Amino acid sequence: MKTTLPTEPIGSIPRSAQLLAAIQGQLSPAEMETHYEAAVIDTIQRLEETGSPVITDGEQRKSSFATYCLDGLQNLTAAGVVIPFHDGHTRQLPALSSGPFKFGRYAVDDLRKAKKIAQKSLKQPVIAVSALSLLYPATEIKGYSRAAFMDDVVRECIKDIRQCLDEGVSVQIDFTEGRLAVKLDPSKTLLKSFIDLNNLVLQAFTPSERQRIGVHTCPGGDHDSTHSAEVDYAEFLPELFQINAGNFYVQLSSETDRIKALKIMQPFATGPRRIFVGVTDPISARIETAQEIKDRILEATKFIRPENLGTTDDCGFSPFCDDISTSRETAFAKISNRVEGNALASQVL
């Protein structure tokens, strides 16, 4: 019997020059909404033209995958955690200045707008509670303890996911800080605390709901650079699969030793769990051919059974809105070839 492997994007698509110019301009909210709506319509239409059975809105309305929920908040400062990338550039998270913590907006706000346009199944990326836990400063906030903050951030992340599930879509938790945690703390204490936090959120959902929730991991992808690619997957992947989610989206195509990574994942590809392996590299300008992608997928089937396997891109394309290192044309070409390569591999299976 023919097996058709599922294939999905991660989330972000590079913004057009027109949208980037609008973001940098002094436009009213109504004017910006016109630009965002046009960008989402174009992105969804072009993703659907690739043949992808599952799409996103390309996160066109988000400043980044990590900070959408902070839009409009007034109780933040700029002095948060700094994340260094290998090319020397950095990203800095904000820090909370006072409580309580509450999302400025939820992922479902963008999802509902995308549902009015999309003809194919949508999935919704959301930020992980572990990433948001980094917003609390090293010095305790007077009148708002870290424990109180953690209660609030867990509740808000549950709400963020719940609202999307209630719209009938699948949800992807972006956990790019996972591999970075091993770099920052080789004892893995930080990583294990992150995993415990994510499981605390996930325990609010039923087993059947968790089958519609996935976790994405990558070593970062920003301005054609990464923040933690040097971390040995052997130190990270076994811990990753302790998260109680139904799907995992794992960067693989850009990994220096794909076979080693597949061997590590093999024991965890059991039961209803689905592991989507990355077969395209969003921070490489080279466009992988469909045949090359087919070969990578068949390579993966030597270690992961088709019923536990899916395909994806290693990461989102330009997940921060000021990243212009990858063009929209390159992103759509890579996605189109992933879909075609997935079909070719499925024919063999």
Protein backbone atom coordinates (compact mmCIF):
# COMPACT_ATOMS: atom_id res chain seq x y z
CA MET A 1 0.00 0.00 0.00
CA LYS A 2 1.36 3.43 -0.97
CA THR A 3 2.47 5.63 1.94
CA THR A 4 2.17 9.39 1.53
CA LEU A 5 4.46 11.08 3.99
CA PRO A 6 3.13 14.27 5.59
CA THR A 7 5.13 17.39 4.81
CA GLU A 8 4.82 20.80 6.47
CA PRO A 9 6.61 24.16 6.62
CA ILE A 10 7.91 25.51 9.92
CA GLY A 11 6.37 28.97 9.79
CA SER A 12 8.16 32.10 8.67
CA ILE A 13 8.45 33.31 5.09
CA PRO A 14 10.68 36.31 4.16
CA ARG A 15 8.78 39.60 4.00
CA SER A 16 8.51 41.43 0.71
CA ALA A 17 10.38 44.66 0.05
CA GLN A 18 7.03 46.48 0.10
CA LEU A 19 6.11 45.14 3.54
CA LEU A 20 9.56 45.87 4.96
CA ALA A 21 9.35 49.45 3.69
CA ALA A 22 5.93 49.84 5.29
CA ILE A 23 7.21 48.48 8.62
CA GLN A 24 10.05 51.00 8.58
CA GLY A 25 7.74 53.89 7.65
CA GLN A 26 5.60 56.07 9.86
CA LEU A 27 2.24 54.55 8.97
CA SER A 28 -0.99 54.46 10.92
CA PRO A 29 -2.29 51.12 12.26
CA ALA A 30 -4.97 51.10 9.57
CA GLU A 31 -2.40 51.68 6.83
CA MET A 32 -0.18 48.93 8.24
CA GLU A 33 -3.11 46.52 8.33
CA THR A 34 -3.58 47.05 4.60
CA HIS A 35 0.06 46.07 3.99
CA TYR A 36 -0.12 43.08 6.36
CA GLU A 37 -3.30 41.81 4.73
CA ALA A 38 -1.76 42.03 1.24
CA ALA A 39 1.36 40.22 2.46
CA VAL A 40 -0.63 37.41 4.06
CA ILE A 41 -2.82 36.96 0.97
CA ASP A 42 0.23 36.75 -1.31
CA THR A 43 2.07 34.40 1.07
CA ILE A 44 -0.84 31.99 1.48
CA GLN A 45 -1.55 31.90 -2.23
CA ARG A 46 2.09 31.19 -3.07
CA LEU A 47 2.39 28.52 -0.38
CA GLU A 48 -0.73 26.84 -1.71
CA GLU A 49 0.75 26.95 -5.22
CA THR A 50 3.71 24.90 -3.98
CA GLY A 51 1.31 22.02 -3.37
CA SER A 52 2.05 21.97 0.34
CA PRO A 53 -0.86 20.20 2.07
CA VAL A 54 -0.31 22.27 5.22
CA ILE A 55 0.53 25.96 5.24
CA THR A 56 0.99 28.93 7.56
CA ASP A 57 0.48 32.65 7.07
CA GLY A 58 4.26 33.08 6.88
CA GLU A 59 4.20 35.03 10.16
CA GLN A 60 3.93 38.19 8.09
CA ARG A 61 2.30 40.19 10.88
CA LYS A 62 4.91 39.23 13.50
CA SER A 63 8.05 41.19 14.30
CA SER A 64 9.47 37.76 15.12
CA PHE A 65 8.31 34.27 16.08
CA ALA A 66 9.48 34.96 19.65
CA THR A 67 8.05 38.39 20.40
CA TYR A 68 4.56 38.58 18.87
CA CYS A 69 2.97 38.07 22.28
CA LEU A 70 4.79 41.11 23.68
CA ASP A 71 3.31 43.60 21.21
CA GLY A 72 1.89 46.63 22.98
CA LEU A 73 3.14 45.73 26.47
CA GLN A 74 4.33 48.68 28.54
CA ASN A 75 6.03 46.76 31.36
CA LEU A 76 9.19 45.78 29.45
CA THR A 77 12.72 47.14 29.23
CA ALA A 78 15.35 46.51 26.56
CA ALA A 79 17.85 44.97 28.99
CA GLY A 80 17.03 41.29 28.59
CA VAL A 81 18.97 38.13 27.73
CA VAL A 82 21.45 38.50 24.85
CA ILE A 83 21.73 35.63 22.31
CA PRO A 84 25.00 35.67 20.32
CA PHE A 85 25.17 34.18 16.83
CA HIS A 86 28.28 32.71 15.21
CA ASP A 87 28.69 35.54 12.71
CA GLY A 88 29.00 38.02 15.58
CA HIS A 89 25.52 39.57 15.55
CA THR A 90 23.22 39.27 18.55
CA ARG A 91 19.55 39.27 19.43
CA GLN A 92 18.38 40.66 22.76
CA LEU A 93 15.17 39.75 24.48
CA PRO A 94 13.32 42.37 26.51
CA ALA A 95 13.07 42.07 30.27
CA LEU A 96 9.99 42.42 32.43
CA SER A 97 9.97 45.55 34.60
CA SER A 98 6.76 44.99 36.57
CA GLY A 99 3.91 42.53 36.91
CA PRO A 100 1.60 40.99 36.18
CA PHE A 101 2.60 39.31 32.93
CA LYS A 102 -0.01 38.97 30.22
CA PHE A 103 0.23 38.51 26.46
CA GLY A 104 -0.17 41.68 24.42
CA ARG A 105 -1.74 39.59 21.69
CA TYR A 106 -2.29 35.93 20.96
CA ALA A 107 -1.37 33.77 17.97
CA VAL A 108 -5.05 33.11 17.32
CA ASP A 109 -5.46 36.76 16.27
CA ASP A 110 -3.35 36.10 13.16
CA LEU A 111 -4.79 32.62 12.68
CA ARG A 112 -8.39 33.81 12.40
CA LYS A 113 -7.40 36.29 9.71
CA ALA A 114 -5.48 33.61 7.79
CA LYS A 115 -8.41 31.18 7.97
CA LYS A 116 -10.51 33.62 5.94
CA ILE A 117 -8.01 33.31 3.09
CA ALA A 118 -6.54 29.82 3.17
CA GLN A 119 -7.95 26.96 1.12
CA LYS A 120 -5.64 24.37 2.68
CA SER A 121 -5.01 23.20 6.24
CA LEU A 122 -3.29 25.70 8.49
CA LYS A 123 -0.99 25.13 11.40
CA GLN A 124 -0.10 27.80 13.92
CA PRO A 125 3.38 28.32 15.40
CA VAL A 126 3.49 29.64 18.98
CA ILE A 127 6.33 30.62 21.28
CA ALA A 128 7.42 28.20 24.01
CA VAL A 129 6.91 28.94 27.68
CA SER A 130 10.60 28.18 28.17
CA ALA A 131 11.61 31.11 25.97
CA LEU A 132 9.24 33.48 27.76
CA SER A 133 10.60 32.36 31.14
CA LEU A 134 13.77 34.28 30.21
CA LEU A 135 11.88 37.59 30.43
CA TYR A 136 12.09 37.70 34.23
CA PRO A 137 15.18 39.68 35.28
CA ALA A 138 17.98 38.41 37.52
CA THR A 139 16.93 40.84 40.26
CA GLU A 140 13.50 40.08 41.68
CA ILE A 141 10.75 42.54 40.78
CA LYS A 142 9.34 44.20 43.88
CA GLY A 143 5.82 42.97 44.58
CA TYR A 144 5.94 40.37 41.78
CA SER A 145 7.93 37.24 42.53
CA ARG A 146 9.43 34.91 39.96
CA ALA A 147 6.99 32.23 41.15
CA ALA A 148 4.04 34.53 40.47
CA PHE A 149 5.47 35.33 37.04
CA MET A 150 5.88 31.65 36.22
CA ASP A 151 2.26 30.98 37.16
CA ASP A 152 1.18 33.79 34.84
CA VAL A 153 3.39 32.81 31.89
CA VAL A 154 2.31 29.15 32.05
CA ARG A 155 -1.35 30.20 32.11
CA GLU A 156 -0.87 32.56 29.16
CA CYS A 157 0.94 29.94 27.07
CA ILE A 158 -1.82 27.42 27.75
CA LYS A 159 -4.35 30.02 26.61
CA ASP A 160 -2.30 30.76 23.47
CA ILE A 161 -2.31 27.09 22.45
CA ARG A 162 -5.90 26.40 23.54
CA GLN A 163 -7.34 29.19 21.41
CA CYS A 164 -5.57 27.85 18.31
CA LEU A 165 -6.63 24.26 18.92
CA ASP A 166 -10.20 25.47 19.31
CA GLU A 167 -9.95 26.86 15.77
CA GLY A 168 -9.37 23.31 14.53
CA VAL A 169 -5.71 23.63 13.53
CA SER A 170 -2.51 21.96 14.70
CA VAL A 171 -0.03 23.91 16.81
CA GLN A 172 3.76 24.03 16.67
CA ILE A 173 5.73 25.16 19.72
CA ASP A 174 8.96 26.88 18.67
CA PHE A 175 11.75 25.62 20.97
CA THR A 176 14.89 27.06 19.40
CA GLU A 177 16.28 27.76 22.89
CA GLY A 178 16.51 24.02 23.58
CA ARG A 179 19.83 23.31 21.88
CA LEU A 180 21.12 26.70 23.01
CA ALA A 181 20.43 25.69 26.62
CA VAL A 182 23.02 22.90 26.36
CA LYS A 183 25.58 25.40 25.09
CA LEU A 184 24.85 27.80 27.94
CA ASP A 185 24.75 25.06 30.60
CA PRO A 186 26.48 21.77 29.67
CA SER A 187 25.17 20.21 32.90
CA LYS A 188 21.74 20.29 31.17
CA THR A 189 20.09 21.69 34.27
CA LEU A 190 18.78 24.62 32.23
CA LEU A 191 17.56 22.34 29.43
CA LYS A 192 15.75 20.04 31.86
CA SER A 193 14.07 23.03 33.50
CA PHE A 194 12.92 24.16 30.04
CA ILE A 195 11.51 20.70 29.29
CA ASP A 196 9.72 20.58 32.64
CA LEU A 197 8.14 23.96 31.90
CA ASN A 198 6.91 22.88 28.49
CA ASN A 199 5.49 19.68 29.95
CA LEU A 200 3.73 21.75 32.60
CA VAL A 201 1.94 23.58 29.79
CA LEU A 202 1.25 20.40 27.82
CA GLN A 203 -0.30 18.58 30.76
CA ALA A 204 -3.23 20.99 30.46
CA PHE A 205 -4.21 19.16 27.25
CA THR A 206 -5.66 15.71 26.67
CA PRO A 207 -3.62 12.96 24.94
CA SER A 208 -5.64 13.43 21.75
CA GLU A 209 -5.03 17.19 21.85
CA ARG A 210 -1.30 16.63 22.35
CA GLN A 211 -1.30 14.65 19.10
CA ARG A 212 -2.14 17.96 17.41
CA ILE A 213 0.72 19.77 19.15
CA GLY A 214 4.31 19.63 17.92
CA VAL A 215 7.68 20.97 19.04
CA HIS A 216 10.20 22.51 16.65
CA THR A 217 13.92 22.54 17.34
CA CYS A 218 16.80 24.09 15.43
CA PRO A 219 20.15 25.76 16.25
CA GLY A 220 18.73 29.17 15.34
CA GLY A 221 18.55 30.65 11.87
CA ASP A 222 19.07 34.39 11.54
CA HIS A 223 21.02 36.40 8.95
CA ASP A 224 22.41 33.12 7.61
CA SER A 225 23.90 32.27 10.99
CA THR A 226 23.13 29.98 13.94
CA HIS A 227 23.56 30.22 17.70
CA SER A 228 24.12 26.60 18.76
CA ALA A 229 24.86 24.32 15.78
CA GLU A 230 28.07 23.14 17.45
CA VAL A 231 26.13 21.45 20.27
CA ASP A 232 26.29 17.68 19.80
CA TYR A 233 22.82 16.30 19.02
CA ALA A 234 23.66 13.35 21.29
CA GLU A 235 23.59 15.80 24.19
CA PHE A 236 20.23 17.24 23.21
CA LEU A 237 17.92 14.97 21.23
CA PRO A 238 17.30 12.31 23.91
CA GLU A 239 16.20 15.10 26.26
CA LEU A 240 14.03 16.75 23.59
CA PHE A 241 11.88 13.64 23.23
CA GLN A 242 10.97 13.83 26.92
CA ILE A 243 8.53 16.58 25.93
CA ASN A 244 5.00 15.15 25.87
CA ALA A 245 4.03 16.29 22.38
CA GLY A 246 2.75 14.27 19.44
CA ASN A 247 4.97 15.75 16.72
CA PHE A 248 8.58 16.88 16.54
CA TYR A 249 10.10 19.07 13.81
CA VAL A 250 13.86 18.51 13.82
CA GLN A 251 16.54 20.39 11.88
CA LEU A 252 18.51 17.76 9.96
CA SER A 253 19.50 18.75 6.41
CA SER A 254 22.20 21.18 7.58
CA GLU A 255 23.49 18.78 10.24
CA THR A 256 27.10 17.74 9.64
CA ASP A 257 26.32 14.08 10.41
CA ARG A 258 22.73 13.27 9.47
CA ILE A 259 23.17 9.52 9.96
CA LYS A 260 24.33 10.01 13.53
CA ALA A 261 21.31 12.21 14.24
CA LEU A 262 18.93 9.66 12.69
CA LYS A 263 20.42 6.89 14.80
CA ILE A 264 19.85 8.97 17.92
CA MET A 265 16.22 9.62 16.95
CA GLN A 266 15.45 6.05 15.95
CA PRO A 267 14.54 4.70 19.43
CA PHE A 268 12.14 7.60 19.94
CA ALA A 269 10.21 7.08 16.70
CA THR A 270 7.57 4.87 18.28
CA GLY A 271 3.82 4.72 18.88
CA PRO A 272 1.84 7.65 17.47
CA ARG A 273 4.81 10.05 17.60
CA ARG A 274 5.67 11.67 14.27
CA ILE A 275 9.17 13.05 13.63
CA PHE A 276 9.35 15.59 10.81
CA VAL A 277 12.96 15.73 9.62
CA GLY A 278 14.37 18.81 7.95
CA VAL A 279 15.26 18.23 4.29
CA THR A 280 15.94 21.83 3.19
CA ASP A 281 18.28 24.41 4.71
CA PRO A 282 16.64 27.88 4.95
CA ILE A 283 19.92 29.72 5.61
CA SER A 284 21.65 28.31 2.54
CA ALA A 285 21.16 30.12 -0.78
CA ARG A 286 21.47 26.86 -2.71
CA ILE A 287 18.11 25.40 -3.68
CA GLU A 288 17.99 21.67 -3.04
CA THR A 289 16.67 19.62 -5.96
CA ALA A 290 13.61 17.41 -5.61
CA GLN A 291 15.77 14.36 -6.31
CA GLU A 292 18.22 15.35 -3.58
CA ILE A 293 15.33 15.78 -1.15
CA LYS A 294 13.91 12.40 -2.17
CA ASP A 295 17.28 10.79 -1.41
CA ARG A 296 17.44 12.45 2.02
CA ILE A 297 13.95 11.20 2.85
CA LEU A 298 14.75 7.64 1.80
CA GLU A 299 17.92 7.88 3.90
CA ALA A 300 15.74 8.76 6.88
CA THR A 301 13.42 5.78 6.29
CA LYS A 302 16.34 3.45 7.04
CA PHE A 303 16.02 4.60 10.65
CA ILE A 304 12.46 5.90 11.06
CA ARG A 305 9.43 3.97 9.81
CA PRO A 306 7.20 5.84 7.35
CA GLU A 307 4.30 5.80 9.83
CA ASN A 308 6.48 7.80 12.25
CA LEU A 309 8.12 10.06 9.66
CA GLY A 310 7.34 13.41 8.08
CA THR A 311 9.36 16.09 6.27
CA THR A 312 9.85 19.78 6.81
CA ASP A 313 12.34 22.62 6.44
CA ASP A 314 15.13 22.90 8.99
CA CYS A 315 13.74 26.19 10.29
CA GLY A 316 11.52 29.06 9.31
CA PHE A 317 12.73 31.43 6.60
CA SER A 318 13.79 34.83 8.00
CA PRO A 319 12.03 34.46 11.37
CA PHE A 320 12.92 38.05 12.32
CA CYS A 321 11.35 40.74 10.16
CA ASP A 322 14.63 42.61 9.60
CA ASP A 323 16.37 39.52 8.15
CA ILE A 324 16.67 40.03 4.39
CA SER A 325 19.38 37.41 3.81
CA THR A 326 16.92 35.04 2.08
CA SER A 327 14.54 36.07 -0.70
CA ARG A 328 10.90 35.07 -0.94
CA GLU A 329 11.67 33.44 -4.30
CA THR A 330 14.33 31.21 -2.75
CA ALA A 331 12.01 30.23 0.11
CA PHE A 332 9.13 29.26 -2.17
CA ALA A 333 11.48 27.37 -4.52
CA LYS A 334 12.87 25.33 -1.63
CA ILE A 335 9.38 24.58 -0.36
CA SER A 336 8.16 23.58 -3.83
CA ASN A 337 11.07 21.17 -4.22
CA ARG A 338 10.45 19.76 -0.73
CA VAL A 339 6.86 19.00 -1.66
CA GLU A 340 7.95 17.41 -4.96
CA GLY A 341 10.77 15.43 -3.32
CA ASN A 342 8.37 14.24 -0.64
CA ALA A 343 6.00 13.00 -3.36
CA LEU A 344 8.81 11.19 -5.15
CA ALA A 345 9.89 9.45 -1.95
CA SER A 346 6.29 8.56 -1.12
CA GLN A 347 5.96 6.84 -4.51
CA VAL A 348 8.87 4.59 -3.60
CA LEU A 349 7.40 3.83 -0.18
